[in-house]
Amino acid sequence: MNSTKSEKNGGVGGDKLVVLPFRYQFAAGAVAGISEILVMYPLDVVKTRIQLQHGVAKDGQGYNGVLDCFRKIIRNEGASRLYRGITAPILMEVPKRAIKFSTNDSFGPYYQRLFHAPVLTQPLAVLTGASAGAVESLVVVPFELLKIRLQDKTSASRYTGLVDCFTKVIRQEGPLALYNGFEATLWRHIVWNAGYFGCIFQVRAQLPKPEKSANPKMQKTANDLAAGFVGGIVGTTFNTPLDVVKSRIQSVAKVEGVRPKYAWAWPSLAIVAREEGLRALYKGYLAKILRFGPGGGVLLVVYSAVVDMLAKVA
């Protein structure tokens, strides 16, 4: 299978396409994903803790925001707890990010041919991103479930680590439990990727062209950082409610004969809004913005740099 990259824009949201082997796109996405997770993971732990908190903090119990959550985790559980469960996302990042970028770059020319579009347009960029997100979600669900279980303070004590968590989920809940929350994850990734890649396309179109700059390499890096930053913020803004309910769905172990409170994405959104108010759908939003704004920029910069490097040997 072959993928493509842009001669001008490094592979994502470009307009002039040349063939680049799929394996290079896959490798570039993997390197970008691991780079982002190593830098930003503590914010993911904080985000999950806040999302799983029902209601507001009272009498010193619970978290009153990102900084308060950081302080309490470090003071009460130790700084290492901020990296609790990182094994699952590290293992997940290689296929997740690799699939995100490689399928996005593969869907682009496919939709151009399907809709007879000579260049990638804004609507096609959104459609391409949404399609990449749908494919990505197929891979990440089991890893996301294990990560949530290990990050959740109320359930983390039941597991000694990733392998123990994986074993107990299968033994106590069945293999299909690993895909608990798949529908919510699917929607979350479709929305985030549509916003992310759609914004990358639009922002890049407004920025100075690298080839017309005195320092093309520096301009290209600045463009990637800005486009990825904006894309990360927009994607996060649209998908945070779905992320909240996904965390709620995956945090609770399945019990035979017991109907879970949170089971499907859209009904769960209504439950959270009704019981905790609309603001509760944006729990953990600040932590997500702090992660996926800069993180989106890191992803795109590293991905484009690795693509350019590998293209020289393609």
Foldseek 3Di string as FASTA:
>chain_A
DWFWAAPFQQRALHWHIDIDRLVLLLQLQLVLQLVQCVVQQLLVLLLLQQLQDAAADDPPPGADDSVRSCVCCCVPPNPCLSCFLVVLSNVLRSRLRSLQRSQLRRQQVVVCVVVVPSTGDLVSQLVSQLVSLLVSLVRNQLSVLLSLQCSHPVRVVVAPGSVRSQVCLCVVANPCLSNQLSQLSSVLSSQLRSQLSSQLNVQLVVADGLVPDPHSVVSSLVSLLQSQLRSLLRSLVVRQLSVSLSSVRSNDRDDPPDDDPRGHRPVSSVVCCVRHNNVSSCGSSVSSSVSRNSSRSSSRSSSSVSSVVVVVVD
